[in-house]
Amino acid sequence: MTILTNKGDIRKIRESGKVIREVFSRIRKSMREGVSTAALDREVEDIIRACGAEPAFKGYKGYPGSICASVNEVVVHGIPSDDVIFKEGDIAGIDVGVKKGGYFADAARTFIIGKASDEANRLVEVARQCLSEGIRQAVAGNRVSDISNAVQVCAQGAGFEEVRTFVGHGIGKHLHESPEVPNWGEKGKGPVLKEGLVLAIEPMINCGSRNVRIMPDGWTAVTVDGKLSAHFENTIIVGRKKAEIIT
């Protein structure tokens, strides 16, 4: 586990989170019909580097992009491409990782392009709520599975399914650290959460089956039934009474 033990550590990881907040603030105008995911990728990399940081995903285990751009039935890890162009009614999960000052932060948002179906709008809103419910459980003394259970209950209560192939994770001096943070599970299981622990909580919520398949590129994960998926993520610091959201 990564536990922040001094103000210097906390300051550095907040700086990485600040860059991600800047990215999402500035790309909103680009989340529109006619923009390619490759163009968005270039824009995000420029923003990150202008902030004195590095795109954490680029080159990670051979990944070619600075963002993951996952449109409609793509759950996660969609590779940016000039051939993938946003169109009216799409939903697009944009996942961004940043490294600054030796510390990482990681976050994702799902955007709606123009006007989408009622189902798409509801899915995106429920996925956002799942993230909020999970973060609410990220307090000292709770256990990892209290986060997991909150996400599962929120998703299934709305008639959707939580993805189980991928999980949230610890984060800090490395992009992915222990503990894993699944989006399902019974309450009261797993490691006890300690104040200062840094987690990336990331519900991936599907309209249909929770199952996914990996495309031949080895990265892109899509729903097995072709139905929509939404993804939200924040890097948080476990607190005594409530979590601090740094992205």
Protein backbone atom coordinates (compact mmCIF):
# COMPACT_ATOMS: atom_id res chain seq x y z
CA MET A 1 0.00 0.00 0.00
CA THR A 2 1.01 3.61 -0.50
CA ILE A 3 0.51 5.69 2.64
CA LEU A 4 1.34 9.37 2.52
CA THR A 5 3.21 10.13 5.70
CA ASN A 6 4.32 13.74 5.29
CA LYS A 7 3.12 17.02 3.86
CA GLY A 8 5.65 16.83 1.02
CA ASP A 9 4.16 13.60 -0.30
CA ILE A 10 0.66 14.99 -0.07
CA ARG A 11 1.65 18.19 -1.84
CA LYS A 12 3.23 16.29 -4.73
CA ILE A 13 0.29 14.00 -5.37
CA ARG A 14 -2.08 16.95 -5.19
CA GLU A 15 0.01 18.61 -7.90
CA SER A 16 -0.52 15.60 -10.18
CA GLY A 17 -4.22 15.71 -9.44
CA LYS A 18 -4.30 19.43 -10.24
CA VAL A 19 -2.94 18.71 -13.73
CA ILE A 20 -5.72 16.19 -14.37
CA ARG A 21 -8.35 18.68 -13.22
CA GLU A 22 -6.87 21.17 -15.67
CA VAL A 23 -7.05 18.62 -18.47
CA PHE A 24 -10.71 17.83 -17.94
CA SER A 25 -11.60 21.50 -17.59
CA ARG A 26 -9.92 22.39 -20.88
CA ILE A 27 -11.05 19.48 -23.08
CA ARG A 28 -14.77 19.94 -22.50
CA LYS A 29 -15.05 22.12 -25.60
CA SER A 30 -13.40 19.35 -27.64
CA MET A 31 -15.97 16.73 -26.64
CA ARG A 32 -18.11 17.40 -29.68
CA GLU A 33 -19.16 15.86 -32.97
CA GLY A 34 -16.39 15.68 -35.59
CA VAL A 35 -13.39 15.53 -33.23
CA SER A 36 -11.22 12.41 -33.46
CA THR A 37 -9.91 10.62 -30.41
CA ALA A 38 -6.39 11.03 -31.83
CA ALA A 39 -6.82 14.82 -31.96
CA LEU A 40 -8.05 14.76 -28.37
CA ASP A 41 -5.05 12.65 -27.37
CA ARG A 42 -2.65 15.21 -28.84
CA GLU A 43 -4.47 18.04 -27.08
CA VAL A 44 -4.28 16.29 -23.72
CA GLU A 45 -0.59 15.51 -24.07
CA ASP A 46 0.11 19.15 -24.87
CA ILE A 47 -1.79 20.29 -21.77
CA ILE A 48 -0.02 17.80 -19.53
CA ARG A 49 3.44 18.74 -20.75
CA ALA A 50 2.65 22.47 -20.54
CA CYS A 51 1.91 21.86 -16.85
CA GLY A 52 5.38 20.42 -16.36
CA ALA A 53 4.13 16.85 -16.09
CA GLU A 54 4.26 13.62 -18.11
CA PRO A 55 1.42 11.54 -19.58
CA ALA A 56 1.53 8.43 -17.40
CA PHE A 57 -0.09 6.09 -19.91
CA LYS A 58 2.15 6.81 -22.91
CA GLY A 59 4.57 3.90 -23.27
CA TYR A 60 3.16 2.08 -20.23
CA LYS A 61 3.55 -1.60 -21.14
CA GLY A 62 3.70 -0.44 -24.75
CA TYR A 63 0.47 1.59 -24.72
CA PRO A 64 0.69 4.16 -27.54
CA GLY A 65 -1.55 6.98 -26.30
CA SER A 66 -1.61 9.66 -23.62
CA ILE A 67 -5.28 8.95 -22.93
CA CYS A 68 -7.64 6.01 -23.15
CA ALA A 69 -10.65 7.01 -25.25
CA SER A 70 -13.47 4.49 -24.90
CA VAL A 71 -16.55 5.19 -27.02
CA ASN A 72 -19.97 3.57 -26.56
CA GLU A 73 -19.46 -0.21 -26.17
CA VAL A 74 -15.76 0.21 -25.39
CA VAL A 75 -15.39 -0.28 -21.64
CA VAL A 76 -11.79 0.84 -21.12
CA HIS A 77 -8.40 1.14 -22.84
CA GLY A 78 -9.65 2.43 -26.18
CA ILE A 79 -6.59 3.46 -28.21
CA PRO A 80 -6.82 6.99 -29.69
CA SER A 81 -7.26 6.93 -33.46
CA ASP A 82 -7.83 9.30 -36.36
CA ASP A 83 -10.52 6.86 -37.48
CA VAL A 84 -12.60 7.15 -34.30
CA ILE A 85 -14.54 10.40 -34.63
CA PHE A 86 -17.15 11.54 -32.11
CA LYS A 87 -20.68 11.69 -33.43
CA GLU A 88 -23.96 12.91 -32.02
CA GLY A 89 -25.27 10.59 -29.30
CA ASP A 90 -21.95 8.95 -28.45
CA ILE A 91 -20.75 8.51 -24.92
CA ALA A 92 -16.99 8.70 -24.50
CA GLY A 93 -14.99 7.60 -21.48
CA ILE A 94 -11.74 9.57 -21.29
CA ASP A 95 -9.13 8.17 -18.90
CA VAL A 96 -6.09 10.32 -18.07
CA GLY A 97 -2.97 9.52 -16.05
CA VAL A 98 -0.34 12.05 -15.00
CA LYS A 99 3.09 11.86 -13.40
CA LYS A 100 4.54 14.97 -11.80
CA GLY A 101 7.26 15.28 -9.21
CA GLY A 102 7.58 11.50 -9.00
CA TYR A 103 3.92 10.91 -8.09
CA PHE A 104 0.98 9.68 -10.14
CA ALA A 105 -2.71 10.55 -10.34
CA ASP A 106 -5.38 8.88 -12.48
CA ALA A 107 -8.95 9.84 -13.34
CA ALA A 108 -11.70 9.23 -15.90
CA ARG A 109 -14.89 10.94 -17.00
CA THR A 110 -17.59 9.83 -19.42
CA PHE A 111 -18.83 12.63 -21.67
CA ILE A 112 -22.03 12.75 -23.69
CA ILE A 113 -21.57 14.03 -27.23
CA GLY A 114 -24.49 16.28 -28.12
CA LYS A 115 -27.84 14.69 -27.32
CA ALA A 116 -27.87 11.00 -26.42
CA SER A 117 -30.57 8.43 -25.70
CA ASP A 118 -32.36 8.32 -22.37
CA GLU A 119 -30.61 5.03 -21.64
CA ALA A 120 -27.20 6.54 -22.31
CA ASN A 121 -27.92 9.54 -20.11
CA ARG A 122 -29.14 7.35 -17.28
CA LEU A 123 -26.13 5.04 -17.54
CA VAL A 124 -23.70 7.95 -17.34
CA GLU A 125 -25.49 9.43 -14.35
CA VAL A 126 -25.60 6.11 -12.49
CA ALA A 127 -21.90 5.46 -13.18
CA ARG A 128 -21.13 8.91 -11.75
CA GLN A 129 -23.25 8.08 -8.68
CA CYS A 130 -21.42 4.75 -8.29
CA LEU A 131 -18.13 6.62 -8.03
CA SER A 132 -19.58 9.02 -5.44
CA GLU A 133 -20.96 6.15 -3.36
CA GLY A 134 -17.64 4.33 -3.45
CA ILE A 135 -15.70 7.43 -2.42
CA ARG A 136 -18.09 7.99 0.48
CA GLN A 137 -16.85 4.71 1.97
CA ALA A 138 -13.15 5.64 1.65
CA VAL A 139 -12.65 6.61 5.28
CA ALA A 140 -10.21 5.32 7.88
CA GLY A 141 -11.43 2.19 9.65
CA ASN A 142 -13.56 0.93 6.76
CA ARG A 143 -12.35 -1.90 4.54
CA VAL A 144 -11.66 -1.99 0.82
CA SER A 145 -14.77 -4.05 0.16
CA ASP A 146 -16.96 -1.37 1.73
CA ILE A 147 -16.06 0.73 -1.32
CA SER A 148 -16.65 -2.26 -3.60
CA ASN A 149 -20.04 -3.07 -2.15
CA ALA A 150 -21.24 0.52 -2.40
CA VAL A 151 -20.45 0.56 -6.13
CA GLN A 152 -22.17 -2.78 -6.74
CA VAL A 153 -25.31 -1.85 -4.83
CA CYS A 154 -25.61 1.46 -6.67
CA ALA A 155 -25.15 -0.11 -10.11
CA GLN A 156 -27.41 -3.10 -9.64
CA GLY A 157 -30.04 -1.06 -7.86
CA ALA A 158 -30.40 0.98 -11.05
CA GLY A 159 -30.58 -2.09 -13.27
CA PHE A 160 -27.01 -1.98 -14.57
CA GLU A 161 -24.01 -4.28 -14.13
CA GLU A 162 -20.58 -3.53 -12.71
CA VAL A 163 -17.55 -4.74 -14.70
CA ARG A 164 -15.47 -7.28 -12.78
CA THR A 165 -12.64 -7.85 -15.24
CA PHE A 166 -10.92 -4.62 -14.23
CA VAL A 167 -10.55 -3.01 -10.81
CA GLY A 168 -9.46 0.18 -9.09
CA HIS A 169 -6.10 0.29 -7.39
CA GLY A 170 -3.66 1.97 -5.11
CA ILE A 171 -1.60 4.72 -6.68
CA GLY A 172 1.28 6.97 -5.66
CA LYS A 173 4.91 6.46 -6.61
CA HIS A 174 3.69 3.94 -9.20
CA LEU A 175 0.67 4.07 -11.49
CA HIS A 176 -0.75 0.80 -10.18
CA GLU A 177 -0.14 -0.32 -6.60
CA SER A 178 -1.88 -2.44 -4.02
CA PRO A 179 -4.53 -2.77 -2.85
CA GLU A 180 -6.86 -3.69 -5.68
CA VAL A 181 -10.28 -2.04 -5.37
CA PRO A 182 -12.94 -4.21 -7.05
CA ASN A 183 -16.33 -2.78 -7.99
CA TRP A 184 -18.19 -5.59 -6.27
CA GLY A 185 -18.02 -7.55 -3.03
CA GLU A 186 -19.36 -8.08 0.47
CA LYS A 187 -18.92 -5.43 3.11
CA GLY A 188 -16.21 -5.82 5.73
CA LYS A 189 -13.64 -7.70 3.63
CA GLY A 190 -10.11 -6.90 2.55
CA PRO A 191 -7.51 -4.52 3.99
CA VAL A 192 -8.48 -1.90 6.53
CA LEU A 193 -8.31 1.61 5.08
CA LYS A 194 -5.81 3.91 6.79
CA GLU A 195 -5.72 7.68 6.76
CA GLY A 196 -3.40 8.86 3.97
CA LEU A 197 -3.86 5.80 1.75
CA VAL A 198 -4.13 6.83 -1.90
CA LEU A 199 -6.63 5.00 -4.12
CA ALA A 200 -7.91 5.27 -7.66
CA ILE A 201 -11.57 4.24 -7.44
CA GLU A 202 -13.03 3.53 -10.88
CA PRO A 203 -16.45 2.03 -11.52
CA MET A 204 -17.04 0.70 -15.03
CA ILE A 205 -20.79 0.19 -15.48
CA ASN A 206 -22.55 -1.62 -18.35
CA CYS A 207 -26.06 -1.46 -19.72
CA GLY A 208 -26.10 -5.19 -20.39
CA SER A 209 -23.78 -8.02 -19.41
CA ARG A 210 -20.86 -7.20 -17.11
CA ASN A 211 -18.60 -9.38 -19.26
CA VAL A 212 -16.05 -7.98 -21.70
CA ARG A 213 -13.79 -9.20 -24.47
CA ILE A 214 -10.40 -7.88 -25.52
CA MET A 215 -9.94 -6.84 -29.13
CA PRO A 216 -7.00 -8.06 -31.26
CA ASP A 217 -4.97 -4.92 -30.45
CA GLY A 218 -4.53 -6.42 -26.96
CA TRP A 219 -5.86 -3.30 -25.20
CA THR A 220 -9.39 -2.33 -26.22
CA ALA A 221 -12.01 -3.95 -23.96
CA VAL A 222 -15.59 -4.01 -25.26
CA THR A 223 -18.87 -5.27 -23.87
CA VAL A 224 -19.64 -8.81 -25.06
CA ASP A 225 -23.14 -7.81 -26.14
CA GLY A 226 -22.27 -4.50 -27.79
CA LYS A 227 -24.21 -2.47 -25.24
CA LEU A 228 -23.05 0.80 -23.74
CA SER A 229 -20.51 1.19 -20.95
CA ALA A 230 -19.57 4.21 -18.81
CA HIS A 231 -16.43 4.81 -16.73
CA PHE A 232 -15.70 7.29 -13.94
CA GLU A 233 -12.58 7.47 -11.78
CA ASN A 234 -11.01 9.71 -9.18
CA THR A 235 -7.77 9.53 -7.25
CA ILE A 236 -8.57 10.07 -3.57
CA ILE A 237 -6.78 10.20 -0.25
CA VAL A 238 -8.46 8.26 2.55
CA GLY A 239 -9.36 10.59 5.40
CA ARG A 240 -10.42 10.26 9.00
CA LYS A 241 -14.00 11.33 8.32
CA LYS A 242 -14.17 11.74 4.53
CA ALA A 243 -11.93 11.21 1.54
CA GLU A 244 -10.08 14.03 -0.17
CA ILE A 245 -10.72 13.96 -3.94
CA ILE A 246 -7.60 15.22 -5.68
CA THR A 247 -8.68 14.81 -9.30
